[in-house]
PDB file of N, CA and C in Angstrom:
ATOM      1  N   MET A   1      96.523-148.940 222.743  1.00  0.00           N
ATOM      2  CA  MET A   1      97.175-150.030 223.522  1.00  0.00           C
ATOM      3  C   MET A   1      96.244-151.235 223.630  1.00  0.00           C
ATOM      4  N   TRP A   2      94.950-150.990 223.604  1.00  0.00           N
ATOM      5  CA  TRP A   2      93.998-152.094 223.722  1.00  0.00           C
ATOM      6  C   TRP A   2      94.100-153.060 222.547  1.00  0.00           C
ATOM      7  N   ALA A   3      94.512-152.526 221.377  1.00  0.00           N
ATOM      8  CA  ALA A   3      94.681-153.367 220.190  1.00  0.00           C
ATOM      9  C   ALA A   3      95.822-154.363 220.392  1.00  0.00           C
ATOM     10  N   VAL A   4      96.908-153.896 220.969  1.00  0.00           N
ATOM     11  CA  VAL A   4      98.069-154.776 221.223  1.00  0.00           C
ATOM     12  C   VAL A   4      97.653-155.853 222.229  1.00  0.00           C
ATOM     13  N   ARG A   5      96.904-155.422 223.268  1.00  0.00           N
ATOM     14  CA  ARG A   5      96.455-156.410 224.246  1.00  0.00           C
ATOM     15  C   ARG A   5      95.552-157.467 223.602  1.00  0.00           C
ATOM     16  N   LEU A   6      94.676-156.987 222.713  1.00  0.00           N
ATOM     17  CA  LEU A   6      93.756-157.883 222.030  1.00  0.00           C
ATOM     18  C   LEU A   6      94.519-158.918 221.188  1.00  0.00           C
ATOM     19  N   VAL A   7      95.530-158.405 220.462  1.00  0.00           N
ATOM     20  CA  VAL A   7      96.337-159.294 219.622  1.00  0.00           C
ATOM     21  C   VAL A   7      97.085-160.301 220.482  1.00  0.00           C
ATOM     22  N   ALA A   8      97.673-159.843 221.591  1.00  0.00           N
ATOM     23  CA  ALA A   8      98.441-160.728 222.476  1.00  0.00           C
ATOM     24  C   ALA A   8      97.548-161.788 223.072  1.00  0.00           C
ATOM     25  N   ILE A   9      96.362-161.396 223.524  1.00  0.00           N
ATOM     26  CA  ILE A   9      95.437-162.359 224.124  1.00  0.00           C
ATOM     27  C   ILE A   9      94.962-163.344 223.074  1.00  0.00           C
ATOM     28  N   GLY A  10      94.664-162.786 221.875  1.00  0.00           N
ATOM     29  CA  GLY A  10      94.233-163.677 220.788  1.00  0.00           C
ATOM     30  C   GLY A  10      95.301-164.693 220.422  1.00  0.00           C
ATOM     31  N   ALA A  11      96.548-164.210 220.331  1.00  0.00           N
ATOM     32  CA  ALA A  11      97.637-165.118 219.997  1.00  0.00           C
ATOM     33  C   ALA A  11      97.857-166.167 221.069  1.00  0.00           C
ATOM     34  N   ALA A  12      97.762-165.747 222.324  1.00  0.00           N
ATOM     35  CA  ALA A  12      97.980-166.666 223.443  1.00  0.00           C
ATOM     36  C   ALA A  12      96.837-167.731 223.450  1.00  0.00           C
ATOM     37  N   SER A  13      95.594-167.272 223.259  1.00  0.00           N
ATOM     38  CA  SER A  13      94.503-168.215 223.296  1.00  0.00           C
ATOM     39  C   SER A  13      94.575-169.126 222.048  1.00  0.00           C
ATOM     40  N   TRP A  14      95.043-168.584 220.935  1.00  0.00           N
ATOM     41  CA  TRP A  14      95.159-169.402 219.706  1.00  0.00           C
ATOM     42  C   TRP A  14      96.194-170.496 219.894  1.00  0.00           C
ATOM     43  N   THR A  15      97.281-170.173 220.551  1.00  0.00           N
ATOM     44  CA  THR A  15      98.354-171.151 220.743  1.00  0.00           C
ATOM     45  C   THR A  15      97.881-172.240 221.694  1.00  0.00           C
ATOM     46  N   GLY A  16      96.930-171.959 222.566  1.00  0.00           N
ATOM     47  CA  GLY A  16      96.429-172.932 223.465  1.00  0.00           C
ATOM     48  C   GLY A  16      95.209-173.680 222.946  1.00  0.00           C
ATOM     49  N   SER A  17      94.685-173.282 221.775  1.00  0.00           N
ATOM     50  CA  SER A  17      93.470-173.909 221.249  1.00  0.00           C
ATOM     51  C   SER A  17      93.757-175.224 220.541  1.00  0.00           C
ATOM     52  N   PHE A  18      92.690-175.961 220.335  1.00  0.00           N
ATOM     53  CA  PHE A  18      92.789-177.283 219.683  1.00  0.00           C
ATOM     54  C   PHE A  18      93.303-177.141 218.248  1.00  0.00           C
ATOM     55  N   GLY A  19      92.820-176.115 217.537  1.00  0.00           N
ATOM     56  CA  GLY A  19      93.223-175.923 216.158  1.00  0.00           C
ATOM     57  C   GLY A  19      94.733-175.751 216.003  1.00  0.00           C
ATOM     58  N   SER A  20      95.334-174.974 216.859  1.00  0.00           N
ATOM     59  CA  SER A  20      96.765-174.776 216.774  1.00  0.00           C
ATOM     60  C   SER A  20      97.527-176.031 217.123  1.00  0.00           C
ATOM     61  N   VAL A  21      96.980-176.790 218.053  1.00  0.00           N
ATOM     62  CA  VAL A  21      97.646-178.056 218.451  1.00  0.00           C
ATOM     63  C   VAL A  21      97.682-178.975 217.254  1.00  0.00           C
ATOM     64  N   MET A  22      96.566-179.069 216.539  1.00  0.00           N
ATOM     65  CA  MET A  22      96.509-179.916 215.354  1.00  0.00           C
ATOM     66  C   MET A  22      97.430-179.393 214.285  1.00  0.00           C
ATOM     67  N   PHE A  23      97.441-178.057 214.094  1.00  0.00           N
ATOM     68  CA  PHE A  23      98.313-177.458 213.076  1.00  0.00           C
ATOM     69  C   PHE A  23      99.776-177.735 213.390  1.00  0.00           C
ATOM     70  N   MET A  24     100.142-177.515 214.656  1.00  0.00           N
ATOM     71  CA  MET A  24     101.549-177.730 215.031  1.00  0.00           C
ATOM     72  C   MET A  24     101.917-179.205 214.958  1.00  0.00           C
ATOM     73  N   HIS A  25     100.953-180.072 215.286  1.00  0.00           N
ATOM     74  CA  HIS A  25     101.236-181.487 215.293  1.00  0.00           C
ATOM     75  C   HIS A  25     101.565-181.993 213.867  1.00  0.00           C
ATOM     76  N   TYR A  26     100.834-181.444 212.894  1.00  0.00           N
ATOM     77  CA  TYR A  26     101.052-181.971 211.522  1.00  0.00           C
ATOM     78  C   TYR A  26     102.040-181.160 210.682  1.00  0.00           C
ATOM     79  N   TYR A  27     102.166-179.864 210.945  1.00  0.00           N
ATOM     80  CA  TYR A  27     102.939-179.010 210.038  1.00  0.00           C
ATOM     81  C   TYR A  27     104.222-178.421 210.647  1.00  0.00           C
ATOM     82  N   VAL A  28     104.276-178.357 211.988  1.00  0.00           N
ATOM     83  CA  VAL A  28     105.441-177.678 212.607  1.00  0.00           C
ATOM     84  C   VAL A  28     106.324-178.732 213.265  1.00  0.00           C
ATOM     85  N   PRO A  29     107.626-178.716 212.982  1.00  0.00           N
ATOM     86  CA  PRO A  29     108.534-179.660 213.632  1.00  0.00           C
ATOM     87  C   PRO A  29     108.548-179.441 215.165  1.00  0.00           C
ATOM     88  N   LEU A  30     108.881-180.502 215.874  1.00  0.00           N
ATOM     89  CA  LEU A  30     108.839-180.465 217.349  1.00  0.00           C
ATOM     90  C   LEU A  30     109.648-179.329 217.931  1.00  0.00           C
ATOM     91  N   SER A  31     110.843-179.099 217.363  1.00  0.00           N
ATOM     92  CA  SER A  31     111.740-178.098 217.949  1.00  0.00           C
ATOM     93  C   SER A  31     111.160-176.688 217.800  1.00  0.00           C
ATOM     94  N   TRP A  32     110.305-176.475 216.772  1.00  0.00           N
ATOM     95  CA  TRP A  32     109.746-175.138 216.568  1.00  0.00           C
ATOM     96  C   TRP A  32     108.575-174.888 217.508  1.00  0.00           C
ATOM     97  N   ARG A  33     107.885-175.922 217.939  1.00  0.00           N
ATOM     98  CA  ARG A  33     106.684-175.715 218.770  1.00  0.00           C
ATOM     99  C   ARG A  33     106.992-174.968 220.040  1.00  0.00           C
ATOM    100  N   GLY A  34     108.065-175.393 220.702  1.00  0.00           N
ATOM    101  CA  GLY A  34     108.449-174.718 221.954  1.00  0.00           C
ATOM    102  C   GLY A  34     108.806-173.262 221.731  1.00  0.00           C
ATOM    103  N   TRP A  35     109.509-172.971 220.628  1.00  0.00           N
ATOM    104  CA  TRP A  35     109.905-171.574 220.354  1.00  0.00           C
ATOM    105  C   TRP A  35     108.704-170.722 220.059  1.00  0.00           C
ATOM    106  N   ILE A  36     107.742-171.230 219.309  1.00  0.00           N
ATOM    107  CA  ILE A  36     106.526-170.443 218.976  1.00  0.00           C
ATOM    108  C   ILE A  36     105.740-170.143 220.259  1.00  0.00           C
ATOM    109  N   SER A  37     105.537-171.155 221.088  1.00  0.00           N
ATOM    110  CA  SER A  37     104.777-170.937 222.323  1.00  0.00           C
ATOM    111  C   SER A  37     105.507-169.964 223.238  1.00  0.00           C
ATOM    112  N   THR A  38     106.825-170.080 223.350  1.00  0.00           N
ATOM    113  CA  THR A  38     107.606-169.187 224.171  1.00  0.00           C
ATOM    114  C   THR A  38     107.523-167.761 223.656  1.00  0.00           C
ATOM    115  N   PHE A  39     107.544-167.597 222.331  1.00  0.00           N
ATOM    116  CA  PHE A  39     107.447-166.287 221.706  1.00  0.00           C
ATOM    117  C   PHE A  39     106.145-165.586 222.078  1.00  0.00           C
ATOM    118  N   PHE A  40     105.021-166.278 221.885  1.00  0.00           N
ATOM    119  CA  PHE A  40     103.708-165.698 222.194  1.00  0.00           C
ATOM    120  C   PHE A  40     103.561-165.427 223.689  1.00  0.00           C
ATOM    121  N   LEU A  41     104.077-166.333 224.514  1.00  0.00           N
ATOM    122  CA  LEU A  41     103.994-166.142 225.966  1.00  0.00           C
ATOM    123  C   LEU A  41     104.793-164.930 226.389  1.00  0.00           C
ATOM    124  N   THR A  42     105.970-164.748 225.775  1.00  0.00           N
ATOM    125  CA  THR A  42     106.813-163.598 226.096  1.00  0.00           C
ATOM    126  C   THR A  42     106.131-162.281 225.741  1.00  0.00           C
ATOM    127  N   ILE A  43     105.509-162.220 224.548  1.00  0.00           N
ATOM    128  CA  ILE A  43     104.786-161.004 224.135  1.00  0.00           C
ATOM    129  C   ILE A  43     103.648-160.739 225.137  1.00  0.00           C
ATOM    130  N   PHE A  44     102.912-161.773 225.485  1.00  0.00           N
ATOM    131  CA  PHE A  44     101.783-161.609 226.419  1.00  0.00           C
ATOM    132  C   PHE A  44     102.269-161.038 227.761  1.00  0.00           C
ATOM    133  N   ILE A  45     103.376-161.588 228.283  1.00  0.00           N
ATOM    134  CA  ILE A  45     103.919-161.121 229.584  1.00  0.00           C
ATOM    135  C   ILE A  45     104.395-159.707 229.505  1.00  0.00           C
ATOM    136  N   PHE A  46     105.106-159.341 228.423  1.00  0.00           N
ATOM    137  CA  PHE A  46     105.587-157.989 228.257  1.00  0.00           C
ATOM    138  C   PHE A  46     104.455-156.969 228.191  1.00  0.00           C
ATOM    139  N   VAL A  47     103.389-157.321 227.461  1.00  0.00           N
ATOM    140  CA  VAL A  47     102.247-156.419 227.366  1.00  0.00           C
ATOM    141  C   VAL A  47     101.584-156.240 228.726  1.00  0.00           C
ATOM    142  N   ALA A  48     101.440-157.345 229.480  1.00  0.00           N
ATOM    143  CA  ALA A  48     100.855-157.298 230.815  1.00  0.00           C
ATOM    144  C   ALA A  48     101.689-156.404 231.744  1.00  0.00           C
ATOM    145  N   LEU A  49     103.000-156.575 231.706  1.00  0.00           N
ATOM    146  CA  LEU A  49     103.895-155.772 232.578  1.00  0.00           C
ATOM    147  C   LEU A  49     103.836-154.291 232.185  1.00  0.00           C
ATOM    148  N   TYR A  50     103.794-154.016 230.895  1.00  0.00           N
ATOM    149  CA  TYR A  50     103.717-152.621 230.407  1.00  0.00           C
ATOM    150  C   TYR A  50     102.431-151.930 230.921  1.00  0.00           C
ATOM    151  N   GLU A  51     101.316-152.651 230.756  1.00  0.00           N
ATOM    152  CA  GLU A  51     100.050-152.089 231.230  1.00  0.00           C
ATOM    153  C   GLU A  51     100.037-151.915 232.742  1.00  0.00           C
ATOM    154  N   TRP A  52     100.639-152.838 233.465  1.00  0.00           N
ATOM    155  CA  TRP A  52     100.684-152.716 234.925  1.00  0.00           C
ATOM    156  C   TRP A  52     101.476-151.475 235.338  1.00  0.00           C
ATOM    157  N   ARG A  53     102.616-151.254 234.644  1.00  0.00           N
ATOM    158  CA  ARG A  53     103.418-150.028 234.942  1.00  0.00           C
ATOM    159  C   ARG A  53     102.649-148.761 234.612  1.00  0.00           C
ATOM    160  N   GLN A  54     101.907-148.741 233.495  1.00  0.00           N
ATOM    161  CA  GLN A  54     101.113-147.583 233.149  1.00  0.00           C
ATOM    162  C   GLN A  54     100.042-147.305 234.205  1.00  0.00           C
ATOM    163  N   LYS A  55      99.440-148.363 234.713  1.00  0.00           N
ATOM    164  CA  LYS A  55      98.405-148.240 235.723  1.00  0.00           C
ATOM    165  C   LYS A  55      99.003-147.624 237.000  1.00  0.00           C
ATOM    166  N   ILE A  56     100.185-148.066 237.415  1.00  0.00           N
ATOM    167  CA  ILE A  56     100.855-147.534 238.598  1.00  0.00           C
ATOM    168  C   ILE A  56     101.193-146.058 238.403  1.00  0.00           C
ATOM    169  N   LYS A  57     101.670-145.713 237.187  1.00  0.00           N
ATOM    170  CA  LYS A  57     102.011-144.301 236.912  1.00  0.00           C
ATOM    171  C   LYS A  57     100.762-143.443 237.037  1.00  0.00           C
ATOM    172  N   LYS A  58      99.640-143.908 236.511  1.00  0.00           N
ATOM    173  CA  LYS A  58      98.377-143.151 236.602  1.00  0.00           C
ATOM    174  C   LYS A  58      97.978-142.940 238.038  1.00  0.00           C
ATOM    175  N   GLN A  59      98.110-143.968 238.858  1.00  0.00           N
ATOM    176  CA  GLN A  59      97.753-143.878 240.290  1.00  0.00           C
ATOM    177  C   GLN A  59      98.655-142.871 240.995  1.00  0.00           C
ATOM    178  N   LYS A  60      99.954-142.864 240.669  1.00  0.00           N
ATOM    179  CA  LYS A  60     100.850-141.909 241.291  1.00  0.00           C
ATOM    180  C   LYS A  60     100.486-140.478 240.945  1.00  0.00           C
ATOM    181  N   VAL A  61     100.113-140.255 239.682  1.00  0.00           N
ATOM    182  CA  VAL A  61      99.700-138.916 239.252  1.00  0.00           C
ATOM    183  C   VAL A  61      98.452-138.489 239.983  1.00  0.00           C
ATOM    184  N   LEU A  62      97.509-139.417 240.126  1.00  0.00           N
ATOM    185  CA  LEU A  62      96.247-139.094 240.835  1.00  0.00           C
ATOM    186  C   LEU A  62      96.520-138.754 242.294  1.00  0.00           C
ATOM    187  N   LEU A  63      97.479-139.454 242.921  1.00  0.00           N
ATOM    188  CA  LEU A  63      97.797-139.206 244.334  1.00  0.00           C
ATOM    189  C   LEU A  63      98.436-137.841 244.501  1.00  0.00           C
ATOM    190  N   LYS A  64      99.256-137.415 243.537  1.00  0.00           N
ATOM    191  CA  LYS A  64      99.918-136.099 243.636  1.00  0.00           C
ATOM    192  C   LYS A  64      98.884-134.974 243.571  1.00  0.00           C
ATOM    193  N   GLU A  65      97.825-135.159 242.785  1.00  0.00           N
ATOM    194  CA  GLU A  65      96.787-134.135 242.637  1.00  0.00           C
ATOM    195  C   GLU A  65      95.902-134.171 243.870  1.00  0.00           C
TER     196      GLU A  65
END
């Protein structure tokens, strides 16, 4: 699961970096920029929520023992 988190964080940081801004400015049409950012942000949020749920499940199991 750490690999997925690493990819999501990498993608999110890449979309916010200067290089991607330049790339999108010159090569990606305006309408696509919003979709690409939304896509990466959605993946990042889903991964974060999944890990949060897993953490809560682990805590519940520990409390039962």
